[in-house]
Protein backbone atom coordinates (compact mmCIF):
# COMPACT_ATOMS: atom_id res chain seq x y z
CA UNK A 1 -86.98 10.29 -65.12
CA UNK A 2 -85.11 6.97 -64.99
CA UNK A 3 -81.98 8.95 -65.96
CA UNK A 4 -82.58 11.61 -63.37
CA UNK A 5 -83.15 8.98 -60.70
CA UNK A 6 -79.79 7.05 -61.85
CA UNK A 7 -77.95 10.31 -61.57
CA UNK A 8 -79.35 10.97 -58.25
CA UNK A 9 -78.43 7.48 -56.84
CA UNK A 10 -74.69 7.95 -58.33
CA UNK A 11 -74.41 11.28 -56.60
CA UNK A 12 -75.70 9.83 -53.25
CA UNK A 13 -73.06 7.02 -53.74
CA UNK A 14 -70.19 9.34 -54.29
CA UNK A 15 -71.28 11.52 -51.45
CA UNK A 16 -71.31 8.59 -49.08
CA UNK A 17 -67.88 7.41 -50.56
CA UNK A 18 -66.49 10.78 -49.94
CA UNK A 19 -67.69 10.81 -46.42
CA UNK A 20 -66.17 7.46 -45.73
CA UNK A 21 -62.88 8.62 -47.19
CA UNK A 22 -63.07 11.89 -45.09
CA UNK A 23 -63.67 9.72 -42.09
CA UNK A 24 -60.67 7.33 -42.86
CA UNK A 25 -58.31 10.07 -43.80
CA UNK A 26 -59.18 11.72 -40.44
CA UNK A 27 -58.31 8.28 -38.76
CA UNK A 28 -55.12 8.12 -40.71
CA UNK A 29 -54.14 11.77 -39.99
CA UNK A 30 -55.33 11.23 -36.26
CA UNK A 31 -52.85 8.01 -36.19
CA UNK A 32 -50.07 10.10 -37.57
CA UNK A 33 -50.71 12.93 -35.46
CA UNK A 34 -50.81 10.62 -32.22
CA UNK A 35 -47.31 9.64 -32.83
CA UNK A 36 -44.54 11.37 -30.72
CA UNK A 37 -42.91 12.91 -33.87
CA UNK A 38 -45.29 12.65 -37.13
CA UNK A 39 -43.50 12.59 -40.35
CA UNK A 40 -44.35 15.44 -42.66
CA UNK A 41 -43.85 13.12 -45.86
CA UNK A 42 -46.62 10.81 -44.19
CA UNK A 43 -48.99 13.82 -44.10
CA UNK A 44 -48.17 14.80 -47.59
CA UNK A 45 -48.97 11.24 -48.55
CA UNK A 46 -52.33 11.35 -46.92
CA UNK A 47 -53.33 14.44 -48.71
CA UNK A 48 -52.17 12.88 -52.09
CA UNK A 49 -54.19 9.72 -51.29
CA UNK A 50 -57.28 12.02 -50.46
CA UNK A 51 -57.14 13.47 -53.86
CA UNK A 52 -56.64 10.33 -55.31
CA UNK A 53 -59.76 8.95 -53.75
CA UNK A 54 -61.64 11.19 -55.99
CA UNK A 55 -60.46 9.23 -59.07
CA UNK A 56 -60.91 5.62 -57.76
CA UNK A 57 -63.75 3.41 -56.69
CA UNK A 58 -64.93 2.99 -53.31
CA UNK A 59 -63.86 -0.73 -52.94
CA UNK A 60 -60.32 -0.01 -54.33
CA UNK A 61 -59.91 3.07 -52.03
CA UNK A 62 -60.99 0.89 -49.00
CA UNK A 63 -58.18 -1.62 -49.57
CA UNK A 64 -55.68 1.29 -50.35
CA UNK A 65 -56.66 3.03 -47.03
CA UNK A 66 -56.43 -0.28 -44.98
CA UNK A 67 -52.86 -1.05 -46.53
CA UNK A 68 -51.69 2.57 -45.67
CA UNK A 69 -53.13 2.38 -42.08
CA UNK A 70 -51.12 -1.04 -41.78
CA UNK A 71 -47.85 0.66 -43.11
CA UNK A 72 -48.37 3.48 -40.65
CA UNK A 73 -48.70 1.25 -37.76
CA UNK A 74 -45.63 -0.88 -38.70
CA UNK A 75 -43.58 2.29 -39.17
CA UNK A 76 -44.66 3.24 -35.62
CA UNK A 77 -43.56 -0.09 -34.24
CA UNK A 78 -40.18 0.11 -36.06
CA UNK A 79 -39.55 3.66 -34.49
CA UNK A 80 -40.57 2.67 -30.98
CA UNK A 81 -38.08 -0.46 -31.48
CA UNK A 82 -35.18 1.90 -32.68
CA UNK A 83 -35.94 4.18 -29.63
CA UNK A 84 -35.88 1.23 -27.36
CA UNK A 85 -32.60 0.13 -28.93
CA UNK A 86 -31.07 3.53 -28.34
CA UNK A 87 -32.00 3.59 -24.79
CA UNK A 88 -30.69 0.07 -24.44
CA UNK A 89 -27.36 1.20 -25.99
CA UNK A 90 -27.29 4.28 -23.66
CA UNK A 91 -27.75 1.91 -20.48
CA UNK A 92 -24.98 -0.55 -21.94
CA UNK A 93 -22.71 2.37 -22.49
CA UNK A 94 -23.27 3.52 -18.78
CA UNK A 95 -22.67 0.30 -17.52
CA UNK A 96 -19.56 -0.06 -19.66
CA UNK A 97 -18.39 3.31 -18.22
CA UNK A 98 -18.95 2.17 -14.77
CA UNK A 99 -17.09 -1.09 -15.34
CA UNK A 100 -14.27 0.86 -16.82
CA UNK A 101 -14.09 3.22 -13.90
CA UNK A 102 -14.20 0.13 -11.39
CA UNK A 103 -11.34 -1.44 -13.32
CA UNK A 104 -9.49 1.79 -13.21
CA UNK A 105 -9.82 1.91 -9.57
CA UNK A 106 -8.78 -1.81 -8.94
CA UNK A 107 -5.70 -1.08 -11.28
CA UNK A 108 -4.76 1.94 -9.28
CA UNK A 109 -4.80 0.18 -5.99
CA UNK A 110 -2.86 -2.82 -7.35
CA UNK A 111 -0.15 -0.52 -8.70
CA UNK A 112 -0.05 1.20 -5.24
CA UNK A 113 0.61 -2.15 -3.63
CA UNK A 114 3.12 -3.07 -5.83
CA UNK A 115 4.92 0.10 -5.51
CA UNK A 116 4.84 -0.29 -1.66
CA UNK A 117 6.28 -3.88 -1.82
CA UNK A 118 9.04 -2.63 -4.19
CA UNK A 119 10.00 0.19 -1.69
CA UNK A 120 9.91 -2.17 1.26
CA UNK A 121 12.06 -4.70 -0.87
CA UNK A 122 14.51 -1.82 -1.50
CA UNK A 123 14.71 -0.65 2.04
CA UNK A 124 15.33 -4.07 3.26
CA UNK A 125 18.20 -4.77 0.68
CA UNK A 126 19.82 -1.33 1.74
CA UNK A 127 19.81 -2.41 5.44
CA UNK A 128 21.26 -5.65 4.62
CA UNK A 129 23.88 -4.21 2.42
CA UNK A 130 24.74 -1.59 5.18
CA UNK A 131 24.88 -4.34 7.97
CA UNK A 132 27.10 -6.46 5.73
CA UNK A 133 29.43 -3.56 5.02
CA UNK A 134 29.61 -2.80 8.97
CA UNK A 135 30.46 -6.45 9.73
CA UNK A 136 33.16 -6.57 6.95
CA UNK A 137 34.71 -3.35 8.42
CA UNK A 138 34.57 -4.80 12.12
CA UNK A 139 36.26 -7.94 10.97
CA UNK A 140 38.82 -6.14 9.28
CA UNK A 141 39.63 -4.03 12.24
CA UNK A 142 39.40 -6.76 14.46
CA UNK A 143 42.16 -8.63 12.28
CA UNK A 144 44.47 -5.52 12.56
CA UNK A 145 44.03 -5.27 16.30
CA UNK A 146 44.69 -8.97 16.77
CA UNK A 147 48.35 -8.51 15.89
CA UNK A 148 48.76 -5.30 18.20
CA UNK A 149 50.68 -5.53 21.38
CA UNK A 150 48.74 -4.64 24.49
CA UNK A 151 50.79 -2.62 27.16
CA UNK A 152 49.89 -1.04 30.51
CA UNK A 153 48.10 2.13 29.85
CA UNK A 154 46.71 1.11 26.67
CA UNK A 155 42.91 1.69 25.96
CA UNK A 156 41.05 -1.43 24.71
CA UNK A 157 37.59 -2.83 24.05
CA UNK A 158 36.31 -6.14 24.99
CA UNK A 159 33.98 -7.86 22.39
CA UNK A 160 32.05 -11.05 23.11
CA UNK A 161 32.69 -13.56 20.15
CA UNK A 162 29.19 -15.14 20.06
CA UNK A 163 26.96 -12.08 20.44
CA UNK A 164 29.58 -9.64 19.04
CA UNK A 165 28.61 -7.08 21.74
CA UNK A 166 30.99 -4.77 23.66
CA UNK A 167 31.49 -5.00 27.30
CA UNK A 168 30.10 -1.52 28.74
CA UNK A 169 29.89 0.40 32.02
CA UNK A 170 26.96 2.48 32.94
CA UNK A 171 26.08 5.28 35.52
CA UNK A 172 22.95 3.17 36.64
CA UNK A 173 23.09 0.98 39.75
CA UNK A 174 21.60 -2.34 40.49
CA UNK A 175 18.25 -2.05 42.25
CA UNK A 176 17.05 -5.38 42.62
CA UNK A 177 16.56 -7.08 45.99
CA UNK A 178 19.87 -8.83 47.39
CA UNK A 179 22.05 -6.67 44.99
CA UNK A 180 25.26 -4.85 45.80
CA UNK A 181 23.89 -1.64 44.77
CA UNK A 182 26.97 -0.81 42.65
CA UNK A 183 27.23 0.30 39.03
CA UNK A 184 25.76 -2.10 36.37
CA UNK A 185 27.98 -3.74 33.80
CA UNK A 186 26.13 -4.56 30.41
CA UNK A 187 26.76 -5.53 26.88
CA UNK A 188 25.96 -3.22 23.90
CA UNK A 189 25.74 -3.52 20.29
CA UNK A 190 27.62 -0.21 19.39
CA UNK A 191 30.84 1.09 20.93
CA UNK A 192 30.88 4.31 22.70
CA UNK A 193 32.87 6.09 25.53
CA UNK A 194 31.57 3.57 28.03
CA UNK A 195 33.18 0.55 26.05
CA UNK A 196 36.64 2.03 26.51
CA UNK A 197 38.92 0.20 29.07
CA UNK A 198 42.41 1.16 30.26
CA UNK A 199 44.80 -1.73 31.13
CA UNK A 200 46.01 -1.13 34.57
CA UNK A 201 48.50 -3.13 36.84
CA UNK A 202 47.10 -5.05 39.84
CA UNK A 203 45.60 -3.54 42.79
CA UNK A 204 47.93 -1.38 44.81
CA UNK A 205 50.22 -0.55 42.00
CA UNK A 206 50.42 2.69 39.94
CA UNK A 207 50.01 2.31 36.23
CA UNK A 208 52.50 5.25 35.41
CA UNK A 209 55.23 3.07 36.76
CA UNK A 210 54.65 0.36 34.39
CA UNK A 211 53.40 2.59 31.48
CA UNK A 212 54.18 1.13 27.87
CA UNK A 213 55.36 -2.19 29.30
CA UNK A 214 53.83 -5.13 27.47
CA UNK A 215 51.22 -7.21 29.16
CA UNK A 216 52.20 -10.84 29.37
CA UNK A 217 50.07 -13.90 29.35
CA UNK A 218 49.00 -14.83 32.91
CA UNK A 219 49.60 -11.49 34.43
CA UNK A 220 47.08 -9.81 36.70
CA UNK A 221 45.60 -6.65 35.55
CA UNK A 222 42.77 -4.12 36.25
CA UNK A 223 40.49 -2.59 33.75
CA UNK A 224 39.54 1.05 34.30
CA UNK A 225 36.57 2.43 32.41
CA UNK A 226 37.45 5.83 31.03
CA UNK A 227 34.13 7.35 31.18
CA UNK A 228 33.05 6.35 34.73
CA UNK A 229 36.52 6.28 36.16
CA UNK A 230 35.60 2.86 38.15
CA UNK A 231 37.12 -0.68 37.89
CA UNK A 232 35.52 -3.81 36.54
CA UNK A 233 34.74 -5.44 39.71
CA UNK A 234 33.17 -8.69 40.99
CA UNK A 235 32.64 -10.39 44.51
CA UNK A 236 31.32 -13.40 46.16
CA UNK A 237 28.13 -12.34 47.67
CA UNK A 238 25.40 -10.95 45.40
CA UNK A 239 23.97 -13.34 42.83
CA UNK A 240 22.30 -12.15 39.35
CA UNK A 241 18.60 -12.84 39.37
CA UNK A 242 18.52 -13.87 35.84
CA UNK A 243 21.68 -16.05 35.39
CA UNK A 244 22.10 -16.99 38.92
CA UNK A 245 25.82 -16.44 38.75
CA UNK A 246 28.10 -13.83 40.49
CA UNK A 247 27.28 -10.23 39.94
CA UNK A 248 29.87 -8.17 37.88
CA UNK A 249 29.89 -4.36 38.61
CA UNK A 250 31.68 -1.05 37.96
CA UNK A 251 33.28 -0.26 41.50
CA UNK A 252 36.51 1.48 42.93
CA UNK A 253 38.55 4.22 42.04
CA UNK A 254 41.72 4.64 39.70
CA UNK A 255 44.41 5.54 42.42
CA UNK A 256 44.93 3.81 45.59
CA UNK A 257 42.57 0.71 44.69
CA UNK A 258 43.66 -1.93 47.23
CA UNK A 259 40.47 -4.10 46.47
CA UNK A 260 41.46 -7.51 45.12
CA UNK A 261 38.20 -8.05 43.59
CA UNK A 262 39.30 -5.46 41.05
CA UNK A 263 42.05 -7.97 39.64
CA UNK A 264 41.57 -9.97 36.48
CA UNK A 265 43.99 -12.62 35.05
CA UNK A 266 44.82 -12.32 31.18
CA UNK A 267 44.95 -15.35 29.54
CA UNK A 268 45.76 -15.75 25.87
CA UNK A 269 44.03 -18.90 24.61
């Protein structure tokens, strides 16, 4: 009887231990299956441990189950940390890409600014070189003309030394109050047909009679504009509204001019 009772007690303890083992195995399996992607190796391990339970005591098995549960939880935390690290790397990579794109935009803008400045500098240098070339050509021509003999009938140009502008006639009349209403005389930067003047004898004389005769210092001459056919003229009445000095105009005809206000004295200084 005692032996039978002992065997029954032992069977009951094993049955209870097996129930506890099944419960804890279910808890471990549920923990593994509750993860985002359970590992098949872990599931095989749990099955192997369940089989091992049948060959170990209850107390030892309880300690093994606790350790395995702890290992599984730590493994889950490590995986979560790795996923978080991967996400952080992705964010850092995106930020790095955005920063790289921003730097590329800044570099492109800076390169465009430098290119514009270089182009402007080249254009400015070209204009300065062309201006220096024209000035050198003008000086060379002026030097050649300084030694030329001026005669009646010669065509000349008058250039102002300070401003280096040419005396020019126009087809526009003075229109301000108290003006003579005659054609304007101006100074221009570039020579054209309106800057060409023919040297004529004083009023009342025909220039054909003295053609090719050298003009001497102190002689009285007239200057006839080739484009307008009118003489360089001045008078006592009208005053310039800007300089407050006597008005100079383009007036009179080539032939038969008897107006003494067309006469000018040539002085060689």
